[in-house]
């Protein structure tokens, strides 16, 4: 199941007190992305799935297939002028950390299972990439609004900027939620998930507030 974060947790932004000047030519938010992997192994879809449940990241107490955290900082300068205070050289800096599953080297499996896994792996990575793009889009919108701030005092400008950032991340969360909801059925149609579910177990799902691809929990079926 997908949580509210494309495959991962959302870390609260580290919002600096805009006092650090940056380059005047800034067309979009600056971002860095770090990838790390956990090893999974198995000779069947069910055993590979169980390996992800055991070794995958935990997000808000739930097991996930993969997880992304996002941290943010803001740089810029508050400048008092005769006409009031304005924000100059403002830029958001985002840092992403992405944790993904990776097949253990040399893991024996049939060509059919390997193809199913490859499709699933591609799906998870693409899903994660969309969440990253959502964050970048939200940040770009926030930057434009903050750069346009004009206030009587720099304290007021600072308060306006903080309000814009808070509102932006709140609206961004709704975009993540909508995307995750739309991705639920495509996930369940993945050949790998269908094969894993074909074992004598059923799915149990629950919700989370993370930007993560939540693991599907298998449990005994009720009735026969």
N, C-alpha and C. Protein backbone atom coordinates (compact mmCIF):
# COMPACT_ATOMS: atom_id res chain seq x y z
N UNK A 1 0.86 -1.20 0.00
CA UNK A 1 0.00 0.00 0.00
C UNK A 1 0.88 1.24 0.00
N UNK A 2 0.44 2.26 -0.70
CA UNK A 2 1.20 3.49 -0.72
C UNK A 2 0.74 4.39 0.41
N UNK A 3 1.71 4.99 1.07
CA UNK A 3 1.38 5.94 2.09
C UNK A 3 1.34 7.31 1.47
N UNK A 4 1.26 8.32 2.29
CA UNK A 4 1.12 9.66 1.77
C UNK A 4 2.43 10.18 1.22
N UNK A 5 3.51 9.44 1.22
CA UNK A 5 4.73 9.96 0.68
C UNK A 5 5.32 9.19 -0.45
N UNK A 6 5.21 9.11 -1.52
CA UNK A 6 5.84 8.31 -2.53
C UNK A 6 6.89 7.48 -1.92
N UNK A 7 6.67 6.43 -1.61
CA UNK A 7 7.75 5.61 -1.18
C UNK A 7 8.63 6.33 -0.17
N UNK A 8 8.12 6.85 1.01
CA UNK A 8 9.01 7.33 2.03
C UNK A 8 8.52 8.36 2.99
N UNK A 9 9.29 8.61 4.11
CA UNK A 9 8.84 9.55 5.12
C UNK A 9 9.15 10.99 4.78
N UNK A 10 8.34 11.89 5.27
CA UNK A 10 8.60 13.31 5.07
C UNK A 10 9.25 13.86 6.32
N UNK A 11 10.43 14.40 6.19
CA UNK A 11 11.09 15.03 7.31
C UNK A 11 10.72 16.50 7.33
N UNK A 12 10.49 17.04 8.49
CA UNK A 12 10.13 18.45 8.59
C UNK A 12 11.25 19.30 8.00
N UNK A 13 10.88 20.32 7.25
CA UNK A 13 11.89 21.19 6.65
C UNK A 13 12.66 21.96 7.70
N UNK A 14 13.94 22.13 7.44
CA UNK A 14 14.78 22.94 8.32
C UNK A 14 14.77 24.34 7.74
N UNK A 15 13.92 25.18 8.25
CA UNK A 15 13.70 26.48 7.64
C UNK A 15 14.59 27.52 8.29
N UNK A 16 15.61 27.93 7.60
CA UNK A 16 16.56 28.88 8.14
C UNK A 16 15.99 30.28 8.20
N UNK A 17 16.62 31.15 8.93
CA UNK A 17 16.18 32.53 9.03
C UNK A 17 16.80 33.31 7.89
N UNK A 18 16.18 33.55 6.83
CA UNK A 18 16.67 34.05 5.57
C UNK A 18 17.70 35.17 5.73
N UNK A 19 18.92 34.80 6.02
CA UNK A 19 19.95 35.82 6.20
C UNK A 19 21.18 35.51 5.37
N UNK A 20 21.14 34.45 4.55
CA UNK A 20 22.31 34.05 3.80
C UNK A 20 22.12 34.41 2.33
N UNK A 21 22.88 35.36 1.80
CA UNK A 21 22.73 35.73 0.40
C UNK A 21 23.15 34.60 -0.51
N UNK A 22 22.46 34.45 -1.64
CA UNK A 22 22.82 33.43 -2.60
C UNK A 22 22.92 34.06 -3.98
N UNK A 23 23.23 33.27 -4.98
CA UNK A 23 23.40 33.77 -6.33
C UNK A 23 22.12 34.43 -6.83
N UNK A 24 22.21 35.54 -7.55
CA UNK A 24 21.00 36.20 -8.04
C UNK A 24 20.30 35.42 -9.13
N UNK A 25 21.00 34.51 -9.81
CA UNK A 25 20.38 33.75 -10.90
C UNK A 25 19.92 32.40 -10.38
N UNK A 26 18.66 32.33 -9.95
CA UNK A 26 18.13 31.09 -9.39
C UNK A 26 16.77 30.83 -10.01
N UNK A 27 16.72 29.92 -10.96
CA UNK A 27 15.47 29.68 -11.68
C UNK A 27 14.59 28.65 -11.00
N UNK A 28 15.15 27.81 -10.18
CA UNK A 28 14.36 26.75 -9.56
C UNK A 28 15.04 26.31 -8.26
N UNK A 29 14.32 25.57 -7.41
CA UNK A 29 14.92 25.10 -6.16
C UNK A 29 16.14 24.21 -6.44
N UNK A 30 17.08 24.28 -5.55
CA UNK A 30 18.27 23.43 -5.63
C UNK A 30 17.98 22.13 -4.89
N UNK A 31 18.39 21.01 -5.45
CA UNK A 31 18.10 19.73 -4.81
C UNK A 31 19.25 18.76 -4.95
N UNK A 32 19.44 17.97 -3.92
CA UNK A 32 20.38 16.85 -3.96
C UNK A 32 19.62 15.58 -3.61
N UNK A 33 20.03 14.46 -4.18
CA UNK A 33 19.35 13.20 -3.94
C UNK A 33 20.37 12.11 -3.63
N UNK A 34 20.17 11.45 -2.52
CA UNK A 34 21.05 10.35 -2.11
C UNK A 34 20.25 9.05 -2.15
N UNK A 35 20.82 8.02 -2.79
CA UNK A 35 20.16 6.72 -2.88
C UNK A 35 20.92 5.70 -2.03
N UNK A 36 20.15 4.89 -1.33
CA UNK A 36 20.74 3.76 -0.61
C UNK A 36 19.83 2.55 -0.81
N UNK A 37 20.38 1.37 -0.62
CA UNK A 37 19.67 0.14 -0.97
C UNK A 37 19.73 -0.87 0.17
N UNK A 38 18.67 -1.67 0.27
CA UNK A 38 18.70 -2.81 1.17
C UNK A 38 18.55 -4.08 0.33
N UNK A 39 19.20 -5.14 0.77
CA UNK A 39 19.27 -6.37 -0.02
C UNK A 39 18.05 -7.26 0.22
N UNK A 40 17.51 -7.80 -0.86
CA UNK A 40 16.40 -8.75 -0.76
C UNK A 40 16.76 -10.00 -1.55
N UNK A 41 16.23 -11.15 -1.11
CA UNK A 41 16.51 -12.40 -1.81
C UNK A 41 15.31 -13.33 -1.67
N UNK A 42 15.24 -14.30 -2.55
CA UNK A 42 14.15 -15.27 -2.52
C UNK A 42 14.04 -15.96 -3.86
N UNK A 43 13.40 -17.11 -3.88
CA UNK A 43 13.25 -17.88 -5.11
C UNK A 43 11.80 -17.87 -5.60
N UNK A 44 10.93 -17.16 -4.89
CA UNK A 44 9.53 -17.04 -5.28
C UNK A 44 9.08 -15.61 -5.00
N UNK A 45 7.95 -15.22 -5.59
CA UNK A 45 7.43 -13.88 -5.33
C UNK A 45 7.11 -13.70 -3.85
N UNK A 46 6.54 -14.74 -3.25
CA UNK A 46 6.18 -14.65 -1.84
C UNK A 46 7.41 -14.48 -0.95
N UNK A 47 8.49 -15.23 -1.25
CA UNK A 47 9.69 -15.13 -0.42
C UNK A 47 10.41 -13.80 -0.64
N UNK A 48 10.38 -13.28 -1.86
CA UNK A 48 10.96 -11.96 -2.10
C UNK A 48 10.16 -10.89 -1.35
N UNK A 49 8.85 -11.02 -1.39
CA UNK A 49 8.00 -10.06 -0.67
C UNK A 49 8.28 -10.11 0.82
N UNK A 50 8.40 -11.31 1.37
CA UNK A 50 8.69 -11.45 2.79
C UNK A 50 10.05 -10.84 3.12
N UNK A 51 11.01 -10.98 2.21
CA UNK A 51 12.32 -10.40 2.43
C UNK A 51 12.23 -8.88 2.52
N UNK A 52 11.37 -8.27 1.70
CA UNK A 52 11.18 -6.83 1.79
C UNK A 52 10.50 -6.44 3.09
N UNK A 53 9.56 -7.25 3.54
CA UNK A 53 8.88 -6.97 4.81
C UNK A 53 9.87 -7.00 5.96
N UNK A 54 10.81 -7.94 5.90
CA UNK A 54 11.78 -8.09 6.99
C UNK A 54 12.86 -7.01 6.93
N UNK A 55 13.35 -6.72 5.74
CA UNK A 55 14.52 -5.85 5.61
C UNK A 55 14.21 -4.43 5.15
N UNK A 56 12.99 -4.18 4.72
CA UNK A 56 12.66 -2.86 4.20
C UNK A 56 12.57 -1.81 5.29
N UNK A 57 12.50 -0.55 4.89
CA UNK A 57 12.44 0.55 5.86
C UNK A 57 11.10 0.58 6.59
N UNK A 58 11.12 1.13 7.78
CA UNK A 58 9.88 1.35 8.53
C UNK A 58 9.51 2.81 8.42
N UNK A 59 8.23 3.05 8.18
CA UNK A 59 7.72 4.40 8.02
C UNK A 59 6.54 4.59 8.96
N UNK A 60 6.73 5.44 9.98
CA UNK A 60 5.66 5.66 10.97
C UNK A 60 5.17 4.35 11.57
N UNK A 61 6.09 3.44 11.81
CA UNK A 61 5.73 2.17 12.43
C UNK A 61 5.25 1.12 11.45
N UNK A 62 5.17 1.45 10.17
CA UNK A 62 4.74 0.50 9.16
C UNK A 62 5.91 0.10 8.28
N UNK A 63 5.86 -1.14 7.80
CA UNK A 63 6.89 -1.60 6.89
C UNK A 63 6.61 -1.06 5.49
N UNK A 64 7.66 -0.68 4.78
CA UNK A 64 7.53 -0.11 3.44
C UNK A 64 8.45 -0.85 2.47
N UNK A 65 8.08 -0.83 1.19
CA UNK A 65 8.96 -1.38 0.16
C UNK A 65 10.16 -0.48 -0.04
N UNK A 66 9.91 0.83 0.02
CA UNK A 66 10.96 1.83 -0.17
C UNK A 66 10.53 3.09 0.54
N UNK A 67 11.46 3.99 0.77
CA UNK A 67 11.12 5.20 1.51
C UNK A 67 11.98 6.37 1.05
N UNK A 68 11.37 7.54 1.06
CA UNK A 68 12.09 8.77 0.73
C UNK A 68 11.88 9.80 1.82
N UNK A 69 12.95 10.40 2.27
CA UNK A 69 12.82 11.52 3.20
C UNK A 69 13.23 12.79 2.48
N UNK A 70 12.61 13.88 2.87
CA UNK A 70 12.91 15.17 2.27
C UNK A 70 13.15 16.19 3.37
N UNK A 71 14.27 16.86 3.28
CA UNK A 71 14.57 17.96 4.21
C UNK A 71 14.70 19.24 3.41
N UNK A 72 14.41 20.38 4.01
CA UNK A 72 14.51 21.64 3.28
C UNK A 72 15.16 22.72 4.12
N UNK A 73 15.86 23.59 3.42
CA UNK A 73 16.43 24.79 4.01
C UNK A 73 16.11 25.95 3.09
N UNK A 74 16.05 27.15 3.64
CA UNK A 74 15.83 28.32 2.79
C UNK A 74 16.92 29.34 3.01
N UNK A 75 17.41 29.87 1.91
CA UNK A 75 18.45 30.88 1.94
C UNK A 75 17.95 32.15 1.27
N UNK A 76 18.48 33.27 1.70
CA UNK A 76 18.10 34.54 1.10
C UNK A 76 18.41 35.68 2.04
N UNK A 77 17.98 36.86 1.68
CA UNK A 77 18.25 38.04 2.50
C UNK A 77 17.02 38.91 2.63
N UNK A 78 16.75 39.36 3.84
CA UNK A 78 15.70 40.34 4.10
C UNK A 78 16.34 41.72 4.05
N UNK A 79 15.87 42.57 3.14
CA UNK A 79 16.50 43.87 2.95
C UNK A 79 15.49 44.98 3.22
N UNK A 80 15.83 45.83 4.19
CA UNK A 80 14.97 46.97 4.52
C UNK A 80 15.30 48.13 3.58
N UNK A 81 14.29 48.64 2.90
CA UNK A 81 14.47 49.77 1.99
C UNK A 81 13.54 50.90 2.44
N UNK A 82 13.71 52.08 1.88
CA UNK A 82 12.79 53.18 2.24
C UNK A 82 11.32 52.84 1.98
N UNK A 83 11.08 51.94 1.05
CA UNK A 83 9.71 51.57 0.72
C UNK A 83 9.22 50.34 1.49
N UNK A 84 10.05 49.80 2.36
CA UNK A 84 9.66 48.63 3.12
C UNK A 84 10.70 47.53 3.03
N UNK A 85 10.30 46.32 3.40
CA UNK A 85 11.23 45.19 3.41
C UNK A 85 10.92 44.25 2.24
N UNK A 86 11.96 43.76 1.60
CA UNK A 86 11.79 42.81 0.51
C UNK A 86 12.75 41.64 0.69
N UNK A 87 12.45 40.56 -0.02
CA UNK A 87 13.28 39.35 0.04
C UNK A 87 14.11 39.28 -1.23
N UNK A 88 15.41 39.12 -1.06
CA UNK A 88 16.30 39.04 -2.21
C UNK A 88 17.06 37.72 -2.22
N UNK A 89 17.34 37.25 -3.43
CA UNK A 89 18.14 36.03 -3.64
C UNK A 89 17.60 34.84 -2.86
N UNK A 90 16.29 34.71 -2.86
CA UNK A 90 15.67 33.61 -2.09
C UNK A 90 15.73 32.30 -2.86
N UNK A 91 16.06 31.25 -2.15
CA UNK A 91 16.09 29.91 -2.76
C UNK A 91 15.83 28.84 -1.71
N UNK A 92 15.01 27.87 -2.09
CA UNK A 92 14.82 26.68 -1.26
C UNK A 92 15.84 25.63 -1.70
N UNK A 93 16.38 24.92 -0.74
CA UNK A 93 17.33 23.85 -1.00
C UNK A 93 16.73 22.57 -0.41
N UNK A 94 16.45 21.60 -1.27
CA UNK A 94 15.84 20.35 -0.85
C UNK A 94 16.87 19.23 -0.88
N UNK A 95 16.80 18.37 0.12
CA UNK A 95 17.68 17.19 0.15
C UNK A 95 16.79 15.95 0.26
N UNK A 96 16.94 15.04 -0.68
CA UNK A 96 16.17 13.81 -0.72
C UNK A 96 17.07 12.63 -0.38
N UNK A 97 16.53 11.72 0.41
CA UNK A 97 17.21 10.45 0.70
C UNK A 97 16.24 9.33 0.35
N UNK A 98 16.65 8.47 -0.58
CA UNK A 98 15.76 7.43 -1.11
C UNK A 98 16.34 6.06 -0.78
N UNK A 99 15.53 5.24 -0.13
CA UNK A 99 15.93 3.87 0.22
C UNK A 99 15.10 2.89 -0.60
N UNK A 100 15.78 2.03 -1.36
CA UNK A 100 15.12 1.15 -2.32
C UNK A 100 15.58 -0.30 -2.13
N UNK A 101 14.74 -1.26 -2.55
CA UNK A 101 15.15 -2.66 -2.50
C UNK A 101 16.08 -2.99 -3.67
N UNK A 102 16.98 -3.93 -3.45
CA UNK A 102 17.86 -4.38 -4.52
C UNK A 102 18.08 -5.89 -4.38
N UNK A 103 17.93 -6.60 -5.48
CA UNK A 103 18.14 -8.05 -5.44
C UNK A 103 19.56 -8.37 -5.02
N UNK A 104 19.70 -9.34 -4.12
CA UNK A 104 21.03 -9.78 -3.74
C UNK A 104 21.74 -10.37 -4.95
N UNK A 105 22.99 -10.01 -5.13
CA UNK A 105 23.75 -10.49 -6.27
C UNK A 105 23.77 -12.01 -6.33
N UNK A 106 23.46 -12.55 -7.50
CA UNK A 106 23.50 -13.99 -7.68
C UNK A 106 22.25 -14.71 -7.20
N UNK A 107 21.20 -13.97 -6.83
CA UNK A 107 19.99 -14.61 -6.35
C UNK A 107 19.39 -15.48 -7.46
N UNK A 108 19.19 -16.80 -7.19
CA UNK A 108 18.63 -17.68 -8.23
C UNK A 108 17.12 -17.48 -8.34
N UNK A 109 16.64 -17.32 -9.56
CA UNK A 109 15.19 -17.22 -9.78
C UNK A 109 14.91 -17.49 -11.25
N UNK A 110 13.68 -17.86 -11.51
CA UNK A 110 13.28 -18.18 -12.87
C UNK A 110 13.24 -16.90 -13.71
N UNK A 111 13.39 -17.04 -15.04
CA UNK A 111 13.28 -15.85 -15.91
C UNK A 111 11.94 -15.13 -15.74
N UNK A 112 10.86 -15.89 -15.51
CA UNK A 112 9.55 -15.28 -15.34
C UNK A 112 9.50 -14.43 -14.08
N UNK A 113 10.03 -14.96 -12.99
CA UNK A 113 10.04 -14.20 -11.73
C UNK A 113 10.96 -13.00 -11.84
N UNK A 114 12.08 -13.15 -12.50
CA UNK A 114 13.00 -12.03 -12.67
C UNK A 114 12.33 -10.89 -13.45
N UNK A 115 11.55 -11.26 -14.46
CA UNK A 115 10.84 -10.24 -15.24
C UNK A 115 9.79 -9.54 -14.40
N UNK A 116 9.08 -10.31 -13.57
CA UNK A 116 8.07 -9.71 -12.68
C UNK A 116 8.74 -8.75 -11.70
N UNK A 117 9.88 -9.17 -11.16
CA UNK A 117 10.59 -8.31 -10.22
C UNK A 117 11.07 -7.03 -10.90
N UNK A 118 11.59 -7.16 -12.11
CA UNK A 118 12.08 -5.99 -12.84
C UNK A 118 10.95 -4.98 -13.07
N UNK A 119 9.76 -5.47 -13.40
CA UNK A 119 8.61 -4.59 -13.60
C UNK A 119 8.23 -3.89 -12.30
N UNK A 120 8.22 -4.63 -11.21
CA UNK A 120 7.89 -4.07 -9.90
C UNK A 120 8.92 -3.02 -9.49
N UNK A 121 10.19 -3.35 -9.66
CA UNK A 121 11.27 -2.43 -9.30
C UNK A 121 11.15 -1.13 -10.09
N UNK A 122 10.85 -1.23 -11.37
CA UNK A 122 10.68 -0.05 -12.21
C UNK A 122 9.50 0.78 -11.74
N UNK A 123 8.41 0.11 -11.37
CA UNK A 123 7.22 0.80 -10.89
C UNK A 123 7.52 1.59 -9.62
N UNK A 124 8.20 0.95 -8.68
CA UNK A 124 8.52 1.60 -7.41
C UNK A 124 9.41 2.82 -7.63
N UNK A 125 10.43 2.67 -8.47
CA UNK A 125 11.34 3.79 -8.73
C UNK A 125 10.61 4.96 -9.41
N UNK A 126 9.74 4.62 -10.37
CA UNK A 126 9.00 5.67 -11.05
C UNK A 126 8.06 6.38 -10.09
N UNK A 127 7.40 5.62 -9.22
CA UNK A 127 6.50 6.21 -8.23
C UNK A 127 7.26 7.18 -7.34
N UNK A 128 8.42 6.73 -6.91
CA UNK A 128 9.24 7.58 -6.06
C UNK A 128 9.64 8.86 -6.77
N UNK A 129 9.98 8.73 -8.05
CA UNK A 129 10.37 9.90 -8.82
C UNK A 129 9.26 10.93 -8.94
N UNK A 130 8.02 10.46 -9.04
CA UNK A 130 6.89 11.41 -9.14
C UNK A 130 6.74 12.19 -7.83
N UNK A 131 6.89 11.50 -6.71
CA UNK A 131 6.80 12.22 -5.44
C UNK A 131 7.89 13.29 -5.34
N UNK A 132 9.07 12.95 -5.78
CA UNK A 132 10.16 13.93 -5.77
C UNK A 132 9.77 15.13 -6.65
N UNK A 133 9.21 14.85 -7.81
CA UNK A 133 8.80 15.92 -8.72
C UNK A 133 7.70 16.78 -8.10
N UNK A 134 6.80 16.16 -7.35
CA UNK A 134 5.74 16.93 -6.67
C UNK A 134 6.37 17.90 -5.68
N UNK A 135 7.30 17.40 -4.89
CA UNK A 135 7.97 18.28 -3.94
C UNK A 135 8.69 19.43 -4.64
N UNK A 136 9.37 19.12 -5.74
CA UNK A 136 10.09 20.17 -6.47
C UNK A 136 9.13 21.21 -7.03
N UNK A 137 7.99 20.76 -7.54
CA UNK A 137 6.99 21.68 -8.06
C UNK A 137 6.44 22.58 -6.96
N UNK A 138 6.15 21.98 -5.82
CA UNK A 138 5.65 22.77 -4.68
C UNK A 138 6.68 23.80 -4.24
N UNK A 139 7.93 23.39 -4.20
CA UNK A 139 9.00 24.30 -3.77
C UNK A 139 9.15 25.46 -4.74
N UNK A 140 9.04 25.17 -6.05
CA UNK A 140 9.16 26.23 -7.04
C UNK A 140 8.05 27.27 -6.87
N UNK A 141 6.84 26.80 -6.59
CA UNK A 141 5.73 27.72 -6.36
C UNK A 141 5.95 28.57 -5.13
N UNK A 142 6.47 27.94 -4.07
CA UNK A 142 6.73 28.69 -2.83
C UNK A 142 7.81 29.74 -3.06
N UNK A 143 8.86 29.36 -3.79
CA UNK A 143 9.92 30.32 -4.06
C UNK A 143 9.38 31.57 -4.75
N UNK A 144 8.55 31.38 -5.76
CA UNK A 144 8.00 32.51 -6.51
C UNK A 144 7.20 33.43 -5.59
N UNK A 145 6.41 32.85 -4.71
CA UNK A 145 5.59 33.66 -3.80
C UNK A 145 6.45 34.41 -2.79
N UNK A 146 7.47 33.74 -2.25
CA UNK A 146 8.32 34.39 -1.25
C UNK A 146 9.12 35.53 -1.89
N UNK A 147 9.60 35.32 -3.11
CA UNK A 147 10.39 36.36 -3.78
C UNK A 147 9.56 37.61 -4.07
N UNK A 148 8.25 37.43 -4.15
CA UNK A 148 7.36 38.56 -4.45
C UNK A 148 6.93 39.32 -3.20
N UNK A 149 7.37 38.89 -2.02
CA UNK A 149 6.94 39.53 -0.77
C UNK A 149 7.44 40.97 -0.69
N UNK A 150 6.54 41.84 -0.30
CA UNK A 150 6.88 43.22 0.04
C UNK A 150 6.11 43.53 1.32
N UNK A 151 6.82 43.99 2.34
CA UNK A 151 6.18 44.25 3.63
C UNK A 151 6.74 45.52 4.25
N UNK A 152 6.03 46.07 5.21
CA UNK A 152 6.49 47.30 5.87
C UNK A 152 7.74 47.05 6.70
N UNK A 153 7.81 45.87 7.33
CA UNK A 153 8.96 45.55 8.17
C UNK A 153 9.50 44.18 7.79
N UNK A 154 10.75 43.92 8.15
CA UNK A 154 11.35 42.62 7.86
C UNK A 154 10.77 41.53 8.76
N UNK A 155 10.31 41.90 9.94
CA UNK A 155 9.63 40.91 10.79
C UNK A 155 8.35 40.45 10.10
N UNK A 156 7.64 41.38 9.51
CA UNK A 156 6.41 41.02 8.81
C UNK A 156 6.72 40.18 7.58
N UNK A 157 7.80 40.51 6.88
CA UNK A 157 8.19 39.74 5.70
C UNK A 157 8.57 38.32 6.10
N UNK A 158 9.28 38.19 7.21
CA UNK A 158 9.67 36.86 7.70
C UNK A 158 8.43 36.03 8.03
N UNK A 159 7.46 36.65 8.68
CA UNK A 159 6.23 35.96 9.04
C UNK A 159 5.46 35.54 7.78
N UNK A 160 5.42 36.41 6.79
CA UNK A 160 4.73 36.07 5.55
C UNK A 160 5.41 34.90 4.86
N UNK A 161 6.74 34.91 4.84
CA UNK A 161 7.48 33.81 4.21
C UNK A 161 7.22 32.49 4.92
N UNK A 162 7.22 32.51 6.25
CA UNK A 162 6.96 31.28 7.02
C UNK A 162 5.56 30.77 6.73
N UNK A 163 4.59 31.69 6.63
CA UNK A 163 3.23 31.28 6.33
C UNK A 163 3.11 30.65 4.95
N UNK A 164 3.84 31.20 3.98
CA UNK A 164 3.81 30.63 2.63
C UNK A 164 4.37 29.22 2.62
N UNK A 165 5.48 29.02 3.32
CA UNK A 165 6.10 27.69 3.35
C UNK A 165 5.18 26.69 4.02
N UNK A 166 4.60 27.07 5.15
CA UNK A 166 3.69 26.14 5.85
C UNK A 166 2.49 25.78 4.98
N UNK A 167 1.92 26.78 4.33
CA UNK A 167 0.76 26.53 3.47
C UNK A 167 1.15 25.65 2.28
N UNK A 168 2.32 25.90 1.73
CA UNK A 168 2.78 25.13 0.57
C UNK A 168 2.93 23.66 0.90
N UNK A 169 3.57 23.34 2.02
CA UNK A 169 3.75 21.93 2.36
C UNK A 169 2.42 21.26 2.68
N UNK A 170 1.48 22.02 3.25
CA UNK A 170 0.16 21.45 3.49
C UNK A 170 -0.56 21.12 2.19
N UNK A 171 -0.50 22.03 1.23
CA UNK A 171 -1.12 21.78 -0.07
C UNK A 171 -0.39 20.66 -0.81
N UNK A 172 0.91 20.61 -0.63
CA UNK A 172 1.71 19.58 -1.28
C UNK A 172 1.33 18.19 -0.76
N UNK A 173 1.03 18.10 0.53
CA UNK A 173 0.63 16.82 1.11
C UNK A 173 -0.62 16.28 0.42
N UNK A 174 -1.54 17.18 0.07
CA UNK A 174 -2.77 16.75 -0.61
C UNK A 174 -2.46 16.22 -2.01
N UNK A 175 -1.49 16.83 -2.67
CA UNK A 175 -1.09 16.33 -3.99
C UNK A 175 -0.47 14.94 -3.87
N UNK A 176 0.35 14.74 -2.85
CA UNK A 176 0.93 13.41 -2.62
C UNK A 176 -0.16 12.39 -2.35
N UNK A 177 -1.12 12.77 -1.54
CA UNK A 177 -2.22 11.86 -1.19
C UNK A 177 -3.00 11.44 -2.44
N UNK A 178 -3.31 12.42 -3.28
CA UNK A 178 -4.07 12.13 -4.49
C UNK A 178 -3.30 11.19 -5.41
N UNK A 179 -2.02 11.42 -5.53
CA UNK A 179 -1.19 10.56 -6.39
C UNK A 179 -1.13 9.14 -5.82
N UNK A 180 -0.92 9.02 -4.52
CA UNK A 180 -0.86 7.69 -3.90
C UNK A 180 -2.17 6.93 -4.09
N UNK A 181 -3.29 7.64 -3.92
CA UNK A 181 -4.59 6.98 -4.09
C UNK A 181 -4.76 6.48 -5.51
N UNK A 182 -4.29 7.27 -6.48
CA UNK A 182 -4.41 6.88 -7.88
C UNK A 182 -3.50 5.70 -8.22
N UNK A 183 -2.43 5.55 -7.45
CA UNK A 183 -1.45 4.49 -7.73
C UNK A 183 -1.77 3.17 -7.05
N UNK A 184 -2.76 3.15 -6.18
CA UNK A 184 -3.09 1.92 -5.44
C UNK A 184 -3.45 0.77 -6.39
N UNK A 185 -4.36 1.00 -7.31
CA UNK A 185 -4.76 -0.08 -8.21
C UNK A 185 -3.65 -0.52 -9.15
N UNK A 186 -2.90 0.42 -9.75
CA UNK A 186 -1.76 -0.02 -10.57
C UNK A 186 -0.76 -0.87 -9.79
N UNK A 187 -0.56 -0.54 -8.52
CA UNK A 187 0.33 -1.37 -7.70
C UNK A 187 -0.21 -2.79 -7.57
N UNK A 188 -1.49 -2.89 -7.26
CA UNK A 188 -2.09 -4.20 -7.06
C UNK A 188 -2.14 -5.02 -8.36
N UNK A 189 -2.04 -4.35 -9.50
CA UNK A 189 -2.04 -5.05 -10.77
C UNK A 189 -0.63 -5.46 -11.21
N UNK A 190 0.36 -5.08 -10.45
CA UNK A 190 1.72 -5.49 -10.79
C UNK A 190 1.83 -7.02 -10.76
N UNK A 191 2.39 -7.64 -11.81
CA UNK A 191 2.51 -9.10 -11.85
C UNK A 191 3.21 -9.67 -10.62
N UNK A 192 4.20 -8.96 -10.10
CA UNK A 192 4.91 -9.45 -8.91
C UNK A 192 3.97 -9.51 -7.71
N UNK A 193 3.17 -8.46 -7.49
CA UNK A 193 2.24 -8.44 -6.37
C UNK A 193 1.16 -9.51 -6.54
N UNK A 194 0.67 -9.67 -7.76
CA UNK A 194 -0.34 -10.71 -8.03
C UNK A 194 0.23 -12.09 -7.72
N UNK A 195 1.49 -12.33 -8.11
CA UNK A 195 2.12 -13.62 -7.84
C UNK A 195 2.32 -13.84 -6.35
N UNK A 196 2.72 -12.78 -5.63
CA UNK A 196 2.92 -12.92 -4.19
C UNK A 196 1.60 -13.17 -3.48
N UNK A 197 0.52 -12.51 -3.96
CA UNK A 197 -0.78 -12.66 -3.35
C UNK A 197 -1.39 -14.02 -3.66
N UNK A 198 -0.86 -14.72 -4.68
CA UNK A 198 -1.41 -16.02 -5.07
C UNK A 198 -1.12 -17.10 -4.04
N UNK A 199 -0.25 -16.80 -3.07
CA UNK A 199 -0.01 -17.75 -1.98
C UNK A 199 -1.24 -17.76 -1.08
N UNK A 200 -1.41 -18.77 -0.21
CA UNK A 200 -2.63 -18.84 0.63
C UNK A 200 -2.63 -17.80 1.74
N UNK A 201 -2.55 -16.53 1.35
CA UNK A 201 -2.63 -15.42 2.30
C UNK A 201 -3.41 -14.31 1.64
N UNK A 202 -3.87 -13.38 2.42
CA UNK A 202 -4.60 -12.24 1.89
C UNK A 202 -3.90 -10.95 2.26
N UNK A 203 -4.39 -9.86 1.73
CA UNK A 203 -3.81 -8.56 2.02
C UNK A 203 -4.54 -7.90 3.17
N UNK A 204 -3.78 -7.24 4.02
CA UNK A 204 -4.35 -6.38 5.05
C UNK A 204 -3.72 -5.01 4.86
N UNK A 205 -4.51 -3.99 4.75
CA UNK A 205 -3.96 -2.67 4.47
C UNK A 205 -4.35 -1.69 5.56
N UNK A 206 -3.51 -0.69 5.72
CA UNK A 206 -3.80 0.37 6.68
C UNK A 206 -3.12 1.63 6.20
N UNK A 207 -3.39 2.75 6.86
CA UNK A 207 -2.93 4.03 6.35
C UNK A 207 -1.69 4.55 7.04
N UNK A 208 -1.08 5.54 6.42
CA UNK A 208 0.13 6.13 6.96
C UNK A 208 0.26 7.55 6.44
N UNK A 209 1.05 8.34 7.11
CA UNK A 209 1.22 9.73 6.70
C UNK A 209 2.54 9.93 5.99
N UNK A 210 3.20 8.85 5.56
CA UNK A 210 4.51 8.98 4.97
C UNK A 210 4.47 8.99 3.45
N UNK A 211 5.51 9.54 2.87
CA UNK A 211 5.69 9.45 1.43
C UNK A 211 6.43 8.16 1.17
N UNK A 212 5.72 7.05 1.14
CA UNK A 212 6.40 5.78 1.00
C UNK A 212 5.54 4.78 0.28
N UNK A 213 6.20 3.80 -0.33
CA UNK A 213 5.47 2.67 -0.89
C UNK A 213 5.38 1.65 0.22
N UNK A 214 4.23 1.58 0.83
CA UNK A 214 4.05 0.69 1.96
C UNK A 214 4.03 -0.76 1.53
N UNK A 215 4.59 -1.60 2.35
CA UNK A 215 4.55 -3.04 2.08
C UNK A 215 3.13 -3.56 2.28
N UNK A 216 2.74 -4.53 1.46
CA UNK A 216 1.46 -5.20 1.62
C UNK A 216 1.66 -6.29 2.67
N UNK A 217 0.84 -6.27 3.70
CA UNK A 217 0.97 -7.27 4.76
C UNK A 217 0.11 -8.47 4.44
N UNK A 218 0.71 -9.64 4.50
CA UNK A 218 -0.01 -10.88 4.27
C UNK A 218 -0.51 -11.43 5.61
N UNK A 219 -1.71 -11.97 5.63
CA UNK A 219 -2.24 -12.58 6.84
C UNK A 219 -3.15 -13.74 6.47
N UNK A 220 -3.52 -14.57 7.41
CA UNK A 220 -4.38 -15.71 7.09
C UNK A 220 -5.71 -15.24 6.50
N UNK A 221 -6.20 -15.97 5.52
CA UNK A 221 -7.52 -15.67 4.95
C UNK A 221 -8.60 -15.99 5.96
N UNK A 222 -9.68 -15.23 5.89
CA UNK A 222 -10.83 -15.52 6.74
C UNK A 222 -11.79 -16.40 5.95
N UNK A 223 -12.02 -17.59 6.39
CA UNK A 223 -12.93 -18.49 5.70
C UNK A 223 -12.28 -19.21 4.54
N UNK A 224 -12.98 -20.12 3.96
CA UNK A 224 -12.47 -20.92 2.84
C UNK A 224 -13.50 -20.92 1.72
